[in-house]
Amino acid sequence: MDPEASRKARESLELAFQMSNILETGLDRHTLSVLVALCEKGLNPESLAALVKELRREPQTNPTATSTVPTFP
């Protein structure tokens, strides 16, 4: 990617990130860049939004946190 195209891509991502913050989406720059890249590859933005919402709804499980450790008196 030439320097000018790279600069424009960074500026576009920064603008999208600012809009994301205004809308209080809770997306970080990396996640937003992945979602933008997926849209550019042809994935449906509404489907991606639904996926993000669904993933946020699922409880975060940590295998070590759910295992029970015996306690001794």
PDB file of N, CA and C in Angstrom:
ATOM      1  N   MET A   1       0.852  -1.168   0.000  1.00  0.00           N
ATOM      2  CA  MET A   1       0.000   0.000   0.000  1.00  0.00           C
ATOM      3  C   MET A   1       0.901   1.235   0.000  1.00  0.00           C
ATOM      4  N   ASP A   2       0.604   2.161  -0.895  1.00  0.00           N
ATOM      5  CA  ASP A   2       1.434   3.363  -0.966  1.00  0.00           C
ATOM      6  C   ASP A   2       1.153   4.258   0.245  1.00  0.00           C
ATOM      7  N   PRO A   3       2.072   5.162   0.558  1.00  0.00           N
ATOM      8  CA  PRO A   3       1.927   6.005   1.755  1.00  0.00           C
ATOM      9  C   PRO A   3       0.641   6.831   1.780  1.00  0.00           C
ATOM     10  N   GLU A   4       0.225   7.342   0.632  1.00  0.00           N
ATOM     11  CA  GLU A   4      -0.994   8.151   0.577  1.00  0.00           C
ATOM     12  C   GLU A   4      -2.226   7.301   0.898  1.00  0.00           C
ATOM     13  N   ALA A   5      -2.292   6.114   0.333  1.00  0.00           N
ATOM     14  CA  ALA A   5      -3.421   5.217   0.602  1.00  0.00           C
ATOM     15  C   ALA A   5      -3.427   4.792   2.068  1.00  0.00           C
ATOM     16  N   SER A   6      -2.247   4.554   2.606  1.00  0.00           N
ATOM     17  CA  SER A   6      -2.130   4.180   4.010  1.00  0.00           C
ATOM     18  C   SER A   6      -2.609   5.308   4.920  1.00  0.00           C
ATOM     19  N   ARG A   7      -2.246   6.527   4.584  1.00  0.00           N
ATOM     20  CA  ARG A   7      -2.657   7.694   5.368  1.00  0.00           C
ATOM     21  C   ARG A   7      -4.176   7.850   5.328  1.00  0.00           C
ATOM     22  N   LYS A   8      -4.749   7.693   4.144  1.00  0.00           N
ATOM     23  CA  LYS A   8      -6.202   7.817   3.998  1.00  0.00           C
ATOM     24  C   LYS A   8      -6.927   6.720   4.779  1.00  0.00           C
ATOM     25  N   ALA A   9      -6.376   5.519   4.763  1.00  0.00           N
ATOM     26  CA  ALA A   9      -6.982   4.414   5.507  1.00  0.00           C
ATOM     27  C   ALA A   9      -6.960   4.701   7.006  1.00  0.00           C
ATOM     28  N   ARG A  10      -5.836   5.220   7.503  1.00  0.00           N
ATOM     29  CA  ARG A  10      -5.745   5.573   8.927  1.00  0.00           C
ATOM     30  C   ARG A  10      -6.737   6.674   9.290  1.00  0.00           C
ATOM     31  N   GLU A  11      -6.836   7.685   8.422  1.00  0.00           N
ATOM     32  CA  GLU A  11      -7.776   8.782   8.670  1.00  0.00           C
ATOM     33  C   GLU A  11      -9.220   8.279   8.668  1.00  0.00           C
ATOM     34  N   SER A  12      -9.534   7.395   7.741  1.00  0.00           N
ATOM     35  CA  SER A  12     -10.891   6.844   7.671  1.00  0.00           C
ATOM     36  C   SER A  12     -11.214   6.031   8.919  1.00  0.00           C
ATOM     37  N   LEU A  13     -10.255   5.230   9.359  1.00  0.00           N
ATOM     38  CA  LEU A  13     -10.470   4.437  10.564  1.00  0.00           C
ATOM     39  C   LEU A  13     -10.622   5.346  11.777  1.00  0.00           C
ATOM     40  N   GLU A  14      -9.823   6.398  11.850  1.00  0.00           N
ATOM     41  CA  GLU A  14      -9.928   7.338  12.970  1.00  0.00           C
ATOM     42  C   GLU A  14     -11.301   8.007  12.982  1.00  0.00           C
ATOM     43  N   LEU A  15     -11.794   8.394  11.823  1.00  0.00           N
ATOM     44  CA  LEU A  15     -13.123   9.001  11.728  1.00  0.00           C
ATOM     45  C   LEU A  15     -14.203   8.005  12.157  1.00  0.00           C
ATOM     46  N   ALA A  16     -14.092   6.773  11.685  1.00  0.00           N
ATOM     47  CA  ALA A  16     -15.058   5.738  12.075  1.00  0.00           C
ATOM     48  C   ALA A  16     -14.993   5.486  13.581  1.00  0.00           C
ATOM     49  N   PHE A  17     -13.791   5.523  14.148  1.00  0.00           N
ATOM     50  CA  PHE A  17     -13.636   5.314  15.584  1.00  0.00           C
ATOM     51  C   PHE A  17     -14.271   6.458  16.374  1.00  0.00           C
ATOM     52  N   GLN A  18     -14.092   7.683  15.904  1.00  0.00           N
ATOM     53  CA  GLN A  18     -14.717   8.829  16.571  1.00  0.00           C
ATOM     54  C   GLN A  18     -16.243   8.713  16.521  1.00  0.00           C
ATOM     55  N   MET A  19     -16.765   8.320  15.373  1.00  0.00           N
ATOM     56  CA  MET A  19     -18.215   8.124  15.248  1.00  0.00           C
ATOM     57  C   MET A  19     -18.681   7.009  16.189  1.00  0.00           C
ATOM     58  N   SER A  20     -17.896   5.952  16.269  1.00  0.00           N
ATOM     59  CA  SER A  20     -18.211   4.836  17.151  1.00  0.00           C
ATOM     60  C   SER A  20     -18.272   5.297  18.604  1.00  0.00           C
ATOM     61  N   ASN A  21     -17.339   6.160  18.988  1.00  0.00           N
ATOM     62  CA  ASN A  21     -17.340   6.682  20.359  1.00  0.00           C
ATOM     63  C   ASN A  21     -18.543   7.579  20.617  1.00  0.00           C
ATOM     64  N   ILE A  22     -18.886   8.420  19.653  1.00  0.00           N
ATOM     65  CA  ILE A  22     -20.055   9.292  19.800  1.00  0.00           C
ATOM     66  C   ILE A  22     -21.317   8.454  19.994  1.00  0.00           C
ATOM     67  N   LEU A  23     -21.400   7.362  19.256  1.00  0.00           N
ATOM     68  CA  LEU A  23     -22.561   6.468  19.348  1.00  0.00           C
ATOM     69  C   LEU A  23     -22.470   5.496  20.530  1.00  0.00           C
ATOM     70  N   GLU A  24     -21.370   5.586  21.263  1.00  0.00           N
ATOM     71  CA  GLU A  24     -21.141   4.748  22.446  1.00  0.00           C
ATOM     72  C   GLU A  24     -21.292   3.258  22.145  1.00  0.00           C
ATOM     73  N   THR A  25     -20.603   2.809  21.086  1.00  0.00           N
ATOM     74  CA  THR A  25     -20.678   1.399  20.704  1.00  0.00           C
ATOM     75  C   THR A  25     -19.825   0.505  21.594  1.00  0.00           C
ATOM     76  N   GLY A  26     -18.794   1.074  22.208  1.00  0.00           N
ATOM     77  CA  GLY A  26     -17.906   0.274  23.038  1.00  0.00           C
ATOM     78  C   GLY A  26     -16.870  -0.502  22.242  1.00  0.00           C
ATOM     79  N   LEU A  27     -16.765  -0.220  20.948  1.00  0.00           N
ATOM     80  CA  LEU A  27     -15.785  -0.919  20.112  1.00  0.00           C
ATOM     81  C   LEU A  27     -14.427  -0.238  20.224  1.00  0.00           C
ATOM     82  N   ASP A  28     -13.376  -1.043  20.339  1.00  0.00           N
ATOM     83  CA  ASP A  28     -12.035  -0.464  20.311  1.00  0.00           C
ATOM     84  C   ASP A  28     -11.574  -0.346  18.860  1.00  0.00           C
ATOM     85  N   ARG A  29     -10.440   0.311  18.651  1.00  0.00           N
ATOM     86  CA  ARG A  29      -9.954   0.538  17.279  1.00  0.00           C
ATOM     87  C   ARG A  29      -9.709  -0.774  16.538  1.00  0.00           C
ATOM     88  N   HIS A  30      -9.120  -1.733  17.222  1.00  0.00           N
ATOM     89  CA  HIS A  30      -8.795  -2.998  16.558  1.00  0.00           C
ATOM     90  C   HIS A  30     -10.069  -3.717  16.106  1.00  0.00           C
ATOM     91  N   THR A  31     -11.035  -3.825  17.007  1.00  0.00           N
ATOM     92  CA  THR A  31     -12.290  -4.496  16.664  1.00  0.00           C
ATOM     93  C   THR A  31     -12.987  -3.777  15.522  1.00  0.00           C
ATOM     94  N   LEU A  32     -13.010  -2.455  15.604  1.00  0.00           N
ATOM     95  CA  LEU A  32     -13.641  -1.670  14.548  1.00  0.00           C
ATOM     96  C   LEU A  32     -12.939  -1.897  13.212  1.00  0.00           C
ATOM     97  N   SER A  33     -11.607  -1.946  13.226  1.00  0.00           N
ATOM     98  CA  SER A  33     -10.879  -2.156  11.967  1.00  0.00           C
ATOM     99  C   SER A  33     -11.167  -3.536  11.384  1.00  0.00           C
ATOM    100  N   VAL A  34     -11.320  -4.535  12.243  1.00  0.00           N
ATOM    101  CA  VAL A  34     -11.665  -5.881  11.765  1.00  0.00           C
ATOM    102  C   VAL A  34     -13.061  -5.873  11.146  1.00  0.00           C
ATOM    103  N   LEU A  35     -14.007  -5.215  11.814  1.00  0.00           N
ATOM    104  CA  LEU A  35     -15.368  -5.151  11.285  1.00  0.00           C
ATOM    105  C   LEU A  35     -15.425  -4.401   9.958  1.00  0.00           C
ATOM    106  N   VAL A  36     -14.675  -3.308   9.848  1.00  0.00           N
ATOM    107  CA  VAL A  36     -14.628  -2.553   8.589  1.00  0.00           C
ATOM    108  C   VAL A  36     -14.033  -3.427   7.484  1.00  0.00           C
ATOM    109  N   ALA A  37     -12.956  -4.142   7.806  1.00  0.00           N
ATOM    110  CA  ALA A  37     -12.320  -5.015   6.810  1.00  0.00           C
ATOM    111  C   ALA A  37     -13.288  -6.103   6.345  1.00  0.00           C
ATOM    112  N   LEU A  38     -14.053  -6.667   7.272  1.00  0.00           N
ATOM    113  CA  LEU A  38     -15.027  -7.693   6.894  1.00  0.00           C
ATOM    114  C   LEU A  38     -16.113  -7.119   5.993  1.00  0.00           C
ATOM    115  N   CYS A  39     -16.543  -5.891   6.281  1.00  0.00           N
ATOM    116  CA  CYS A  39     -17.531  -5.233   5.410  1.00  0.00           C
ATOM    117  C   CYS A  39     -16.949  -5.012   4.021  1.00  0.00           C
ATOM    118  N   GLU A  40     -15.685  -4.606   3.972  1.00  0.00           N
ATOM    119  CA  GLU A  40     -15.034  -4.385   2.675  1.00  0.00           C
ATOM    120  C   GLU A  40     -14.892  -5.679   1.886  1.00  0.00           C
ATOM    121  N   LYS A  41     -14.836  -6.816   2.600  1.00  0.00           N
ATOM    122  CA  LYS A  41     -14.751  -8.120   1.934  1.00  0.00           C
ATOM    123  C   LYS A  41     -16.118  -8.605   1.462  1.00  0.00           C
ATOM    124  N   GLY A  42     -17.175  -7.843   1.817  1.00  0.00           N
ATOM    125  CA  GLY A  42     -18.496  -8.188   1.321  1.00  0.00           C
ATOM    126  C   GLY A  42     -19.463  -8.744   2.348  1.00  0.00           C
ATOM    127  N   LEU A  43     -19.041  -8.867   3.608  1.00  0.00           N
ATOM    128  CA  LEU A  43     -19.966  -9.350   4.621  1.00  0.00           C
ATOM    129  C   LEU A  43     -21.029  -8.300   4.902  1.00  0.00           C
ATOM    130  N   ASN A  44     -22.196  -8.754   5.239  1.00  0.00           N
ATOM    131  CA  ASN A  44     -23.330  -7.879   5.494  1.00  0.00           C
ATOM    132  C   ASN A  44     -23.126  -7.139   6.818  1.00  0.00           C
ATOM    133  N   PRO A  45     -23.105  -5.794   6.798  1.00  0.00           N
ATOM    134  CA  PRO A  45     -22.887  -5.025   8.030  1.00  0.00           C
ATOM    135  C   PRO A  45     -23.956  -5.279   9.096  1.00  0.00           C
ATOM    136  N   GLU A  46     -25.202  -5.476   8.673  1.00  0.00           N
ATOM    137  CA  GLU A  46     -26.265  -5.741   9.649  1.00  0.00           C
ATOM    138  C   GLU A  46     -26.056  -7.084  10.331  1.00  0.00           C
ATOM    139  N   SER A  47     -25.572  -8.062   9.579  1.00  0.00           N
ATOM    140  CA  SER A  47     -25.283  -9.369  10.168  1.00  0.00           C
ATOM    141  C   SER A  47     -24.128  -9.274  11.154  1.00  0.00           C
ATOM    142  N   LEU A  48     -23.113  -8.493  10.800  1.00  0.00           N
ATOM    143  CA  LEU A  48     -21.985  -8.303  11.714  1.00  0.00           C
ATOM    144  C   LEU A  48     -22.434  -7.601  12.993  1.00  0.00           C
ATOM    145  N   ALA A  49     -23.295  -6.601  12.856  1.00  0.00           N
ATOM    146  CA  ALA A  49     -23.809  -5.894  14.036  1.00  0.00           C
ATOM    147  C   ALA A  49     -24.587  -6.856  14.935  1.00  0.00           C
ATOM    148  N   ALA A  50     -25.397  -7.715  14.327  1.00  0.00           N
ATOM    149  CA  ALA A  50     -26.154  -8.699  15.104  1.00  0.00           C
ATOM    150  C   ALA A  50     -25.212  -9.670  15.809  1.00  0.00           C
ATOM    151  N   LEU A  51     -24.143 -10.064  15.135  1.00  0.00           N
ATOM    152  CA  LEU A  51     -23.162 -10.966  15.730  1.00  0.00           C
ATOM    153  C   LEU A  51     -22.480 -10.316  16.931  1.00  0.00           C
ATOM    154  N   VAL A  52     -22.082  -9.057  16.784  1.00  0.00           N
ATOM    155  CA  VAL A  52     -21.434  -8.341  17.893  1.00  0.00           C
ATOM    156  C   VAL A  52     -22.386  -8.260  19.081  1.00  0.00           C
ATOM    157  N   LYS A  53     -23.643  -7.934  18.822  1.00  0.00           N
ATOM    158  CA  LYS A  53     -24.631  -7.859  19.908  1.00  0.00           C
ATOM    159  C   LYS A  53     -24.787  -9.210  20.598  1.00  0.00           C
ATOM    160  N   GLU A  54     -24.849 -10.266  19.810  1.00  0.00           N
ATOM    161  CA  GLU A  54     -25.014 -11.606  20.375  1.00  0.00           C
ATOM    162  C   GLU A  54     -23.801 -12.001  21.215  1.00  0.00           C
ATOM    163  N   LEU A  55     -22.615 -11.719  20.724  1.00  0.00           N
ATOM    164  CA  LEU A  55     -21.406 -12.059  21.474  1.00  0.00           C
ATOM    165  C   LEU A  55     -21.326 -11.279  22.781  1.00  0.00           C
ATOM    166  N   ARG A  56     -21.808 -10.070  22.775  1.00  0.00           N
ATOM    167  CA  ARG A  56     -21.801  -9.270  24.007  1.00  0.00           C
ATOM    168  C   ARG A  56     -22.822  -9.783  25.012  1.00  0.00           C
ATOM    169  N   ARG A  57     -23.890 -10.398  24.527  1.00  0.00           N
ATOM    170  CA  ARG A  57     -24.927 -10.919  25.413  1.00  0.00           C
ATOM    171  C   ARG A  57     -24.484 -12.178  26.130  1.00  0.00           C
ATOM    172  N   GLU A  58     -23.650 -12.975  25.465  1.00  0.00           N
ATOM    173  CA  GLU A  58     -23.206 -14.231  26.058  1.00  0.00           C
ATOM    174  C   GLU A  58     -22.309 -13.942  27.250  1.00  0.00           C
ATOM    175  N   PRO A  59     -22.512 -14.669  28.343  1.00  0.00           N
ATOM    176  CA  PRO A  59     -21.651 -14.449  29.505  1.00  0.00           C
ATOM    177  C   PRO A  59     -20.222 -14.868  29.193  1.00  0.00           C
ATOM    178  N   GLN A  60     -19.299 -14.083  29.680  1.00  0.00           N
ATOM    179  CA  GLN A  60     -17.888 -14.411  29.496  1.00  0.00           C
ATOM    180  C   GLN A  60     -17.547 -15.548  30.447  1.00  0.00           C
ATOM    181  N   THR A  61     -17.126 -16.666  29.890  1.00  0.00           N
ATOM    182  CA  THR A  61     -16.783 -17.800  30.735  1.00  0.00           C
ATOM    183  C   THR A  61     -15.285 -17.990  30.735  1.00  0.00           C
ATOM    184  N   ASN A  62     -14.775 -18.251  31.893  1.00  0.00           N
ATOM    185  CA  ASN A  62     -13.354 -18.507  32.062  1.00  0.00           C
ATOM    186  C   ASN A  62     -13.244 -19.912  32.633  1.00  0.00           C
ATOM    187  N   PRO A  63     -12.632 -20.844  31.905  1.00  0.00           N
ATOM    188  CA  PRO A  63     -12.592 -22.232  32.365  1.00  0.00           C
ATOM    189  C   PRO A  63     -11.996 -22.375  33.762  1.00  0.00           C
ATOM    190  N   THR A  64     -11.032 -21.553  34.107  1.00  0.00           N
ATOM    191  CA  THR A  64     -10.428 -21.674  35.428  1.00  0.00           C
ATOM    192  C   THR A  64     -11.333 -21.096  36.503  1.00  0.00           C
ATOM    193  N   ALA A  65     -12.152 -20.131  36.149  1.00  0.00           N
ATOM    194  CA  ALA A  65     -13.042 -19.515  37.131  1.00  0.00           C
ATOM    195  C   ALA A  65     -14.230 -20.415  37.449  1.00  0.00           C
ATOM    196  N   THR A  66     -14.616 -21.265  36.514  1.00  0.00           N
ATOM    197  CA  THR A  66     -15.784 -22.110  36.737  1.00  0.00           C
ATOM    198  C   THR A  66     -15.427 -23.427  37.403  1.00  0.00           C
ATOM    199  N   SER A  67     -14.161 -23.779  37.432  1.00  0.00           N
ATOM    200  CA  SER A  67     -13.794 -25.031  38.073  1.00  0.00           C
ATOM    201  C   SER A  67     -13.837 -24.845  39.586  1.00  0.00           C
ATOM    202  N   THR A  68     -14.256 -25.898  40.259  1.00  0.00           N
ATOM    203  CA  THR A  68     -14.347 -25.810  41.709  1.00  0.00           C
ATOM    204  C   THR A  68     -13.072 -26.342  42.328  1.00  0.00           C
ATOM    205  N   VAL A  69     -12.607 -25.619  43.288  1.00  0.00           N
ATOM    206  CA  VAL A  69     -11.410 -26.028  44.012  1.00  0.00           C
ATOM    207  C   VAL A  69     -11.865 -26.436  45.403  1.00  0.00           C
ATOM    208  N   PRO A  70     -11.523 -27.646  45.812  1.00  0.00           N
ATOM    209  CA  PRO A  70     -11.972 -28.082  47.131  1.00  0.00           C
ATOM    210  C   PRO A  70     -11.345 -27.224  48.224  1.00  0.00           C
ATOM    211  N   THR A  71     -12.143 -26.924  49.224  1.00  0.00           N
ATOM    212  CA  THR A  71     -11.628 -26.177  50.369  1.00  0.00           C
ATOM    213  C   THR A  71     -11.562 -27.115  51.559  1.00  0.00           C
ATOM    214  N   PHE A  72     -10.561 -26.953  52.336  1.00  0.00           N
ATOM    215  CA  PHE A  72     -10.376 -27.798  53.507  1.00  0.00           C
ATOM    216  C   PHE A  72     -10.585 -26.964  54.759  1.00  0.00           C
ATOM    217  N   PRO A  73     -11.304 -27.529  55.745  1.00  0.00           N
ATOM    218  CA  PRO A  73     -11.570 -26.766  56.977  1.00  0.00           C
ATOM    219  C   PRO A  73     -10.343 -26.523  57.806  1.00  0.00           C
TER     220      PRO A  73
END
